[in-house]
Amino acid sequence: MGSAATNTCGASSLRPSPTGTASSCSITWALAPRIFLPNDPDPYATLQGYADDLLEICTALELRGAVCVGHSVSAMIGVLAAITEPERFAKLVLVGPSPCYINDGDYVGGFTQQDIAELLDTLESNYLGWSHAMAPVIMGNPDRPELTQSFCRTDPAIARQFARVTFLSDNRTDLPLVRTPALILQCSQDVIAPQEVGAYVQRHLTGSRLVTFQATGHCPNLSAPAETTAAIQAFLSDT
């Protein structure tokens, strides 16, 4: 069994399974800029383009029955990949997932349409200022400023394009199509993916398990690594 791990900082990795009983591999998946002709469609206009990339990696490595660990938007990329080629994945670990960031009727996504429009406008005009202002908000641990040093540093042009695709995505109708067992890891206070979102994902993923941490912020893998690791290991050991 292999394990596919994805993250939101423009790179992803495929790692050995936690049991160490299978052949192992470790690569870096970079969300690199692409050049397209003016009339060519952009395959990265939706998250499915990134899911297709993940599946290409799985094909190249001949992975089947892998564990896909995805954080934030990469959790949804893993979901889309599992829908497209379910045989590739035995389990999904979704850390702070959100199928839709914008409030819609009774659905609580955490942001209004105006919030997202203003966020994207700021990204266009002042990416560095936005990243410095948002890093402590996303990390959600004001007493631990050192965590913000791990905030994603990437090319502003890539960040702007990826943020637009991310925050305007709506994959709510995809959730019921998943047949892969999934673990949802949710922080108690997360401005990017509030608890209502985690509960929504759990209701619409058949047979999924929701674990809510005492940890705060959107990156429990950084702010509460021991708690995160323990929850993942418990899920993986449960056959």
C-alpha atoms as a PDB file:
ATOM      1  CA  MET A   1       0.000   0.000   0.000  1.00  0.00           C
ATOM      2  CA  GLY A   2       1.256   3.470  -0.806  1.00  0.00           C
ATOM      3  CA  SER A   3       0.223   6.766   0.688  1.00  0.00           C
ATOM      4  CA  ALA A   4      -0.503   9.939  -1.214  1.00  0.00           C
ATOM      5  CA  ALA A   5      -0.209  13.140   0.784  1.00  0.00           C
ATOM      6  CA  THR A   6      -1.175  16.549  -0.550  1.00  0.00           C
ATOM      7  CA  ASN A   7      -0.962  20.043   0.864  1.00  0.00           C
ATOM      8  CA  THR A   8      -1.899  23.610   0.015  1.00  0.00           C
ATOM      9  CA  CYS A   9       1.524  25.133  -0.463  1.00  0.00           C
ATOM     10  CA  GLY A  10       1.934  24.368  -4.130  1.00  0.00           C
ATOM     11  CA  ALA A  11       3.492  20.944  -3.653  1.00  0.00           C
ATOM     12  CA  SER A  12       2.395  17.466  -2.732  1.00  0.00           C
ATOM     13  CA  SER A  13       4.151  14.244  -1.933  1.00  0.00           C
ATOM     14  CA  LEU A  14       3.650  10.532  -2.216  1.00  0.00           C
ATOM     15  CA  ARG A  15       5.060   8.647   0.749  1.00  0.00           C
ATOM     16  CA  PRO A  16       5.285   5.052   1.971  1.00  0.00           C
ATOM     17  CA  SER A  17       2.386   3.573   3.857  1.00  0.00           C
ATOM     18  CA  PRO A  18       2.615   3.949   7.680  1.00  0.00           C
ATOM     19  CA  THR A  19       3.030   0.200   8.057  1.00  0.00           C
ATOM     20  CA  GLY A  20       6.158   0.211   5.955  1.00  0.00           C
ATOM     21  CA  THR A  21       5.183  -3.193   4.564  1.00  0.00           C
ATOM     22  CA  ALA A  22       4.957  -2.140   0.941  1.00  0.00           C
ATOM     23  CA  SER A  23       7.384  -0.746  -1.551  1.00  0.00           C
ATOM     24  CA  SER A  24       7.963   2.897  -0.805  1.00  0.00           C
ATOM     25  CA  CYS A  25       8.257   6.006  -2.882  1.00  0.00           C
ATOM     26  CA  SER A  26       8.712   9.669  -2.162  1.00  0.00           C
ATOM     27  CA  ILE A  27       8.278  12.428  -4.704  1.00  0.00           C
ATOM     28  CA  THR A  28       7.356  16.088  -4.711  1.00  0.00           C
ATOM     29  CA  TRP A  29       4.357  17.276  -6.692  1.00  0.00           C
ATOM     30  CA  ALA A  30       4.792  20.968  -7.484  1.00  0.00           C
ATOM     31  CA  LEU A  31       1.915  23.100  -8.709  1.00  0.00           C
ATOM     32  CA  ALA A  32       4.168  24.614 -11.343  1.00  0.00           C
ATOM     33  CA  PRO A  33       3.095  27.371 -13.736  1.00  0.00           C
ATOM     34  CA  ARG A  34       2.019  26.203 -17.168  1.00  0.00           C
ATOM     35  CA  ILE A  35       2.015  28.053 -20.479  1.00  0.00           C
ATOM     36  CA  PHE A  36      -1.000  27.674 -22.746  1.00  0.00           C
ATOM     37  CA  LEU A  37      -1.797  29.088 -26.148  1.00  0.00           C
ATOM     38  CA  PRO A  38      -4.441  31.852 -26.036  1.00  0.00           C
ATOM     39  CA  ASN A  39      -7.243  29.638 -27.400  1.00  0.00           C
ATOM     40  CA  ASP A  40      -6.342  26.516 -25.434  1.00  0.00           C
ATOM     41  CA  PRO A  41      -8.512  25.570 -22.446  1.00  0.00           C
ATOM     42  CA  ASP A  42      -6.811  25.775 -19.059  1.00  0.00           C
ATOM     43  CA  PRO A  43      -6.908  22.307 -17.438  1.00  0.00           C
ATOM     44  CA  TYR A  44      -6.393  23.999 -14.061  1.00  0.00           C
ATOM     45  CA  ALA A  45      -9.501  26.145 -14.287  1.00  0.00           C
ATOM     46  CA  THR A  46     -11.101  23.685 -11.840  1.00  0.00           C
ATOM     47  CA  LEU A  47      -9.784  21.403  -9.120  1.00  0.00           C
ATOM     48  CA  GLN A  48     -10.313  18.405 -11.386  1.00  0.00           C
ATOM     49  CA  GLY A  49      -7.163  19.399 -13.272  1.00  0.00           C
ATOM     50  CA  TYR A  50      -5.126  18.943 -10.096  1.00  0.00           C
ATOM     51  CA  ALA A  51      -6.914  15.669  -9.340  1.00  0.00           C
ATOM     52  CA  ASP A  52      -5.954  14.442 -12.803  1.00  0.00           C
ATOM     53  CA  ASP A  53      -2.323  15.296 -12.038  1.00  0.00           C
ATOM     54  CA  LEU A  54      -2.509  13.263  -8.830  1.00  0.00           C
ATOM     55  CA  LEU A  55      -3.922  10.322 -10.763  1.00  0.00           C
ATOM     56  CA  GLU A  56      -1.143  10.578 -13.342  1.00  0.00           C
ATOM     57  CA  ILE A  57       1.361  10.265 -10.496  1.00  0.00           C
ATOM     58  CA  CYS A  58      -0.488   7.252  -9.107  1.00  0.00           C
ATOM     59  CA  THR A  59      -0.478   5.663 -12.569  1.00  0.00           C
ATOM     60  CA  ALA A  60       3.232   6.289 -13.052  1.00  0.00           C
ATOM     61  CA  LEU A  61       3.968   4.721  -9.649  1.00  0.00           C
ATOM     62  CA  GLU A  62       1.448   1.904 -10.184  1.00  0.00           C
ATOM     63  CA  LEU A  63      -0.288   2.775  -6.921  1.00  0.00           C
ATOM     64  CA  ARG A  64      -3.456   0.966  -5.922  1.00  0.00           C
ATOM     65  CA  GLY A  65      -5.050   0.897  -2.507  1.00  0.00           C
ATOM     66  CA  ALA A  66      -3.122   4.011  -1.472  1.00  0.00           C
ATOM     67  CA  VAL A  67      -3.929   6.297   1.443  1.00  0.00           C
ATOM     68  CA  CYS A  68      -4.506   9.857   0.285  1.00  0.00           C
ATOM     69  CA  VAL A  69      -3.837  12.519   2.929  1.00  0.00           C
ATOM     70  CA  GLY A  70      -4.969  15.964   1.828  1.00  0.00           C
ATOM     71  CA  HIS A  71      -4.993  19.260   3.707  1.00  0.00           C
ATOM     72  CA  SER A  72      -7.481  22.048   2.964  1.00  0.00           C
ATOM     73  CA  VAL A  73      -8.206  22.345  -0.771  1.00  0.00           C
ATOM     74  CA  SER A  74      -5.956  19.365  -1.429  1.00  0.00           C
ATOM     75  CA  ALA A  75      -8.432  17.281   0.543  1.00  0.00           C
ATOM     76  CA  MET A  76     -11.005  18.047  -2.142  1.00  0.00           C
ATOM     77  CA  ILE A  77      -8.456  17.273  -4.854  1.00  0.00           C
ATOM     78  CA  GLY A  78      -8.070  13.862  -3.231  1.00  0.00           C
ATOM     79  CA  VAL A  79     -11.857  13.454  -3.134  1.00  0.00           C
ATOM     80  CA  LEU A  80     -12.129  14.167  -6.868  1.00  0.00           C
ATOM     81  CA  ALA A  81      -9.294  11.752  -7.615  1.00  0.00           C
ATOM     82  CA  ALA A  82     -10.988   9.017  -5.573  1.00  0.00           C
ATOM     83  CA  ILE A  83     -14.241   9.535  -7.464  1.00  0.00           C
ATOM     84  CA  THR A  84     -12.488   9.338 -10.825  1.00  0.00           C
ATOM     85  CA  GLU A  85     -10.357   6.256 -10.079  1.00  0.00           C
ATOM     86  CA  PRO A  86     -11.564   4.734  -6.793  1.00  0.00           C
ATOM     87  CA  GLU A  87      -9.322   1.693  -7.123  1.00  0.00           C
ATOM     88  CA  ARG A  88      -6.291   3.913  -6.518  1.00  0.00           C
ATOM     89  CA  PHE A  89      -7.230   4.712  -2.918  1.00  0.00           C
ATOM     90  CA  ALA A  90      -8.057   2.533   0.069  1.00  0.00           C
ATOM     91  CA  LYS A  91      -8.666   5.441   2.434  1.00  0.00           C
ATOM     92  CA  LEU A  92      -8.877   9.236   2.433  1.00  0.00           C
ATOM     93  CA  VAL A  93      -7.641  11.497   5.228  1.00  0.00           C
ATOM     94  CA  LEU A  94      -9.154  14.958   4.832  1.00  0.00           C
ATOM     95  CA  VAL A  95      -7.610  17.665   7.026  1.00  0.00           C
ATOM     96  CA  GLY A  96      -9.729  20.819   7.196  1.00  0.00           C
ATOM     97  CA  PRO A  97     -11.650  20.098   3.967  1.00  0.00           C
ATOM     98  CA  SER A  98     -14.209  22.431   2.443  1.00  0.00           C
ATOM     99  CA  PRO A  99     -16.346  21.600  -0.593  1.00  0.00           C
ATOM    100  CA  CYS A 100     -17.474  25.230  -0.889  1.00  0.00           C
ATOM    101  CA  TYR A 101     -16.142  28.340   0.857  1.00  0.00           C
ATOM    102  CA  ILE A 102     -19.104  30.615   0.142  1.00  0.00           C
ATOM    103  CA  ASN A 103     -22.282  30.684   2.220  1.00  0.00           C
ATOM    104  CA  ASP A 104     -25.287  29.527   0.208  1.00  0.00           C
ATOM    105  CA  GLY A 105     -28.737  29.503   1.810  1.00  0.00           C
ATOM    106  CA  ASP A 106     -28.591  27.159   4.788  1.00  0.00           C
ATOM    107  CA  TYR A 107     -25.076  26.076   3.867  1.00  0.00           C
ATOM    108  CA  VAL A 108     -22.345  27.706   5.951  1.00  0.00           C
ATOM    109  CA  GLY A 109     -19.078  27.927   4.048  1.00  0.00           C
ATOM    110  CA  GLY A 110     -17.512  30.609   6.210  1.00  0.00           C
ATOM    111  CA  PHE A 111     -17.422  33.466   3.671  1.00  0.00           C
ATOM    112  CA  THR A 112     -19.860  35.668   1.812  1.00  0.00           C
ATOM    113  CA  GLN A 113     -19.583  36.376  -1.904  1.00  0.00           C
ATOM    114  CA  GLN A 114     -18.281  39.843  -1.019  1.00  0.00           C
ATOM    115  CA  ASP A 115     -15.668  38.397   1.345  1.00  0.00           C
ATOM    116  CA  ILE A 116     -14.241  36.234  -1.434  1.00  0.00           C
ATOM    117  CA  ALA A 117     -14.357  39.049  -3.997  1.00  0.00           C
ATOM    118  CA  GLU A 118     -12.431  41.335  -1.653  1.00  0.00           C
ATOM    119  CA  LEU A 119      -9.937  38.588  -0.814  1.00  0.00           C
ATOM    120  CA  LEU A 120      -9.211  37.932  -4.485  1.00  0.00           C
ATOM    121  CA  ASP A 121      -8.925  41.667  -5.215  1.00  0.00           C
ATOM    122  CA  THR A 122      -6.362  42.013  -2.432  1.00  0.00           C
ATOM    123  CA  LEU A 123      -4.421  39.048  -3.739  1.00  0.00           C
ATOM    124  CA  GLU A 124      -4.273  40.698  -7.157  1.00  0.00           C
ATOM    125  CA  SER A 125      -3.043  44.044  -5.843  1.00  0.00           C
ATOM    126  CA  ASN A 126      -0.862  43.119  -2.862  1.00  0.00           C
ATOM    127  CA  TYR A 127      -0.077  39.432  -2.457  1.00  0.00           C
ATOM    128  CA  LEU A 128       2.762  39.914   0.039  1.00  0.00           C
ATOM    129  CA  GLY A 129       0.653  42.177   2.228  1.00  0.00           C
ATOM    130  CA  TRP A 130      -2.205  39.686   2.084  1.00  0.00           C
ATOM    131  CA  SER A 131       0.009  36.725   2.990  1.00  0.00           C
ATOM    132  CA  HIS A 132       1.569  38.513   5.965  1.00  0.00           C
ATOM    133  CA  ALA A 133      -1.853  39.604   7.231  1.00  0.00           C
ATOM    134  CA  MET A 134      -3.566  36.261   6.665  1.00  0.00           C
ATOM    135  CA  ALA A 135      -0.866  33.909   7.933  1.00  0.00           C
ATOM    136  CA  PRO A 136      -1.669  34.437  11.656  1.00  0.00           C
ATOM    137  CA  VAL A 137      -5.419  34.279  10.940  1.00  0.00           C
ATOM    138  CA  ILE A 138      -5.113  30.992   9.075  1.00  0.00           C
ATOM    139  CA  MET A 139      -2.771  29.492  11.673  1.00  0.00           C
ATOM    140  CA  GLY A 140      -5.169  30.539  14.454  1.00  0.00           C
ATOM    141  CA  ASN A 141      -2.560  30.420  17.210  1.00  0.00           C
ATOM    142  CA  PRO A 142      -1.655  34.012  18.138  1.00  0.00           C
ATOM    143  CA  ASP A 143       0.408  32.802  21.099  1.00  0.00           C
ATOM    144  CA  ARG A 144       2.641  30.851  18.716  1.00  0.00           C
ATOM    145  CA  PRO A 145       3.840  33.353  16.090  1.00  0.00           C
ATOM    146  CA  GLU A 146       6.588  30.980  14.973  1.00  0.00           C
ATOM    147  CA  LEU A 147       3.947  28.911  13.158  1.00  0.00           C
ATOM    148  CA  THR A 148       3.412  31.667  10.622  1.00  0.00           C
ATOM    149  CA  GLN A 149       6.966  31.160   9.391  1.00  0.00           C
ATOM    150  CA  SER A 150       5.736  27.916   7.850  1.00  0.00           C
ATOM    151  CA  PHE A 151       3.029  29.700   5.894  1.00  0.00           C
ATOM    152  CA  CYS A 152       3.188  28.969   2.213  1.00  0.00           C
ATOM    153  CA  ARG A 153       5.725  30.965   0.212  1.00  0.00           C
ATOM    154  CA  THR A 154       5.104  30.701  -3.493  1.00  0.00           C
ATOM    155  CA  ASP A 155       5.107  32.682  -6.700  1.00  0.00           C
ATOM    156  CA  PRO A 156       2.399  35.399  -6.406  1.00  0.00           C
ATOM    157  CA  ALA A 157       1.092  34.685  -9.912  1.00  0.00           C
ATOM    158  CA  ILE A 158       0.593  31.010  -9.073  1.00  0.00           C
ATOM    159  CA  ALA A 159      -0.913  31.852  -5.697  1.00  0.00           C
ATOM    160  CA  ARG A 160      -3.443  34.224  -7.253  1.00  0.00           C
ATOM    161  CA  GLN A 161      -4.571  31.728  -9.876  1.00  0.00           C
ATOM    162  CA  PHE A 162      -4.764  28.857  -7.399  1.00  0.00           C
ATOM    163  CA  ALA A 163      -6.640  30.974  -4.838  1.00  0.00           C
ATOM    164  CA  ARG A 164      -9.251  31.931  -7.430  1.00  0.00           C
ATOM    165  CA  VAL A 165      -9.838  28.295  -8.398  1.00  0.00           C
ATOM    166  CA  THR A 166      -9.908  27.284  -4.722  1.00  0.00           C
ATOM    167  CA  PHE A 167     -12.229  29.896  -3.249  1.00  0.00           C
ATOM    168  CA  LEU A 168     -14.686  29.838  -6.156  1.00  0.00           C
ATOM    169  CA  SER A 169     -14.925  26.040  -6.260  1.00  0.00           C
ATOM    170  CA  ASP A 170     -18.116  24.236  -5.303  1.00  0.00           C
ATOM    171  CA  ASN A 171     -17.796  20.471  -5.006  1.00  0.00           C
ATOM    172  CA  ARG A 172     -20.726  19.798  -2.708  1.00  0.00           C
ATOM    173  CA  THR A 173     -22.499  17.600  -5.257  1.00  0.00           C
ATOM    174  CA  ASP A 174     -19.379  15.456  -5.593  1.00  0.00           C
ATOM    175  CA  LEU A 175     -19.324  14.316  -1.972  1.00  0.00           C
ATOM    176  CA  PRO A 176     -22.081  11.647  -2.255  1.00  0.00           C
ATOM    177  CA  LEU A 177     -20.173  10.064  -5.152  1.00  0.00           C
ATOM    178  CA  VAL A 178     -17.271   9.027  -2.889  1.00  0.00           C
ATOM    179  CA  ARG A 179     -17.139   5.361  -1.922  1.00  0.00           C
ATOM    180  CA  THR A 180     -13.700   5.415  -0.294  1.00  0.00           C
ATOM    181  CA  PRO A 181     -13.622   5.353   3.544  1.00  0.00           C
ATOM    182  CA  ALA A 182     -12.708   8.812   4.780  1.00  0.00           C
ATOM    183  CA  LEU A 183     -11.478  10.457   7.964  1.00  0.00           C
ATOM    184  CA  ILE A 184     -12.307  14.152   8.411  1.00  0.00           C
ATOM    185  CA  LEU A 185     -10.075  16.104  10.779  1.00  0.00           C
ATOM    186  CA  GLN A 186     -11.603  19.360  12.014  1.00  0.00           C
ATOM    187  CA  CYS A 187     -10.206  22.013  14.352  1.00  0.00           C
ATOM    188  CA  SER A 188     -12.426  23.543  17.024  1.00  0.00           C
ATOM    189  CA  GLN A 189     -11.885  27.056  15.631  1.00  0.00           C
ATOM    190  CA  ASP A 190     -11.010  27.425  11.961  1.00  0.00           C
ATOM    191  CA  VAL A 191     -11.848  30.572   9.992  1.00  0.00           C
ATOM    192  CA  ILE A 192     -11.198  28.839   6.664  1.00  0.00           C
ATOM    193  CA  ALA A 193     -13.245  25.697   7.333  1.00  0.00           C
ATOM    194  CA  PRO A 194     -15.542  26.218  10.336  1.00  0.00           C
ATOM    195  CA  GLN A 195     -17.066  23.325  12.241  1.00  0.00           C
ATOM    196  CA  GLU A 196     -20.282  23.554  10.212  1.00  0.00           C
ATOM    197  CA  VAL A 197     -18.272  22.655   7.118  1.00  0.00           C
ATOM    198  CA  GLY A 198     -16.708  19.584   8.701  1.00  0.00           C
ATOM    199  CA  ALA A 199     -20.138  18.421   9.839  1.00  0.00           C
ATOM    200  CA  TYR A 200     -21.516  18.961   6.324  1.00  0.00           C
ATOM    201  CA  VAL A 201     -18.727  16.927   4.753  1.00  0.00           C
ATOM    202  CA  GLN A 202     -19.289  14.101   7.256  1.00  0.00           C
ATOM    203  CA  ARG A 203     -23.042  14.005   6.532  1.00  0.00           C
ATOM    204  CA  HIS A 204     -22.483  13.750   2.791  1.00  0.00           C
ATOM    205  CA  LEU A 205     -19.572  11.290   2.734  1.00  0.00           C
ATOM    206  CA  THR A 206     -21.063   7.847   3.271  1.00  0.00           C
ATOM    207  CA  GLY A 207     -19.448   6.018   6.177  1.00  0.00           C
ATOM    208  CA  SER A 208     -16.985   8.804   6.942  1.00  0.00           C
ATOM    209  CA  ARG A 209     -15.613   9.552  10.400  1.00  0.00           C
ATOM    210  CA  LEU A 210     -15.304  13.057  11.868  1.00  0.00           C
ATOM    211  CA  VAL A 211     -12.741  13.896  14.540  1.00  0.00           C
ATOM    212  CA  THR A 212     -12.780  17.398  16.030  1.00  0.00           C
ATOM    213  CA  PHE A 213      -9.587  18.581  17.692  1.00  0.00           C
ATOM    214  CA  GLN A 214      -9.217  20.965  20.593  1.00  0.00           C
ATOM    215  CA  ALA A 215      -6.557  22.577  18.414  1.00  0.00           C
ATOM    216  CA  THR A 216      -7.382  25.852  16.690  1.00  0.00           C
ATOM    217  CA  GLY A 217      -6.517  27.230  13.266  1.00  0.00           C
ATOM    218  CA  HIS A 218      -6.515  25.717   9.813  1.00  0.00           C
ATOM    219  CA  CYS A 219      -3.242  23.790  10.035  1.00  0.00           C
ATOM    220  CA  PRO A 220      -3.387  21.185  12.834  1.00  0.00           C
ATOM    221  CA  ASN A 221      -0.543  19.342  11.118  1.00  0.00           C
ATOM    222  CA  LEU A 222       1.605  22.279  12.275  1.00  0.00           C
ATOM    223  CA  SER A 223      -0.125  23.463  15.453  1.00  0.00           C
ATOM    224  CA  ALA A 224      -1.042  20.025  16.830  1.00  0.00           C
ATOM    225  CA  PRO A 225       1.078  17.425  15.029  1.00  0.00           C
ATOM    226  CA  ALA A 226       0.845  14.786  17.770  1.00  0.00           C
ATOM    227  CA  GLU A 227      -2.963  14.967  17.885  1.00  0.00           C
ATOM    228  CA  THR A 228      -3.161  14.883  14.103  1.00  0.00           C
ATOM    229  CA  THR A 229      -0.780  11.939  13.797  1.00  0.00           C
ATOM    230  CA  ALA A 230      -2.598   9.955  16.479  1.00  0.00           C
ATOM    231  CA  ALA A 231      -5.963  10.414  14.754  1.00  0.00           C
ATOM    232  CA  ILE A 232      -4.563   9.346  11.394  1.00  0.00           C
ATOM    233  CA  GLN A 233      -2.797   6.310  12.829  1.00  0.00           C
ATOM    234  CA  ALA A 234      -5.960   5.203  14.624  1.00  0.00           C
ATOM    235  CA  PHE A 235      -7.928   5.493  11.382  1.00  0.00           C
ATOM    236  CA  LEU A 236      -5.348   3.584   9.349  1.00  0.00           C
ATOM    237  CA  SER A 237      -5.100   0.779  11.911  1.00  0.00           C
ATOM    238  CA  ASP A 238      -8.887   0.320  11.921  1.00  0.00           C
ATOM    239  CA  THR A 239      -9.535  -2.346   9.317  1.00  0.00           C
END
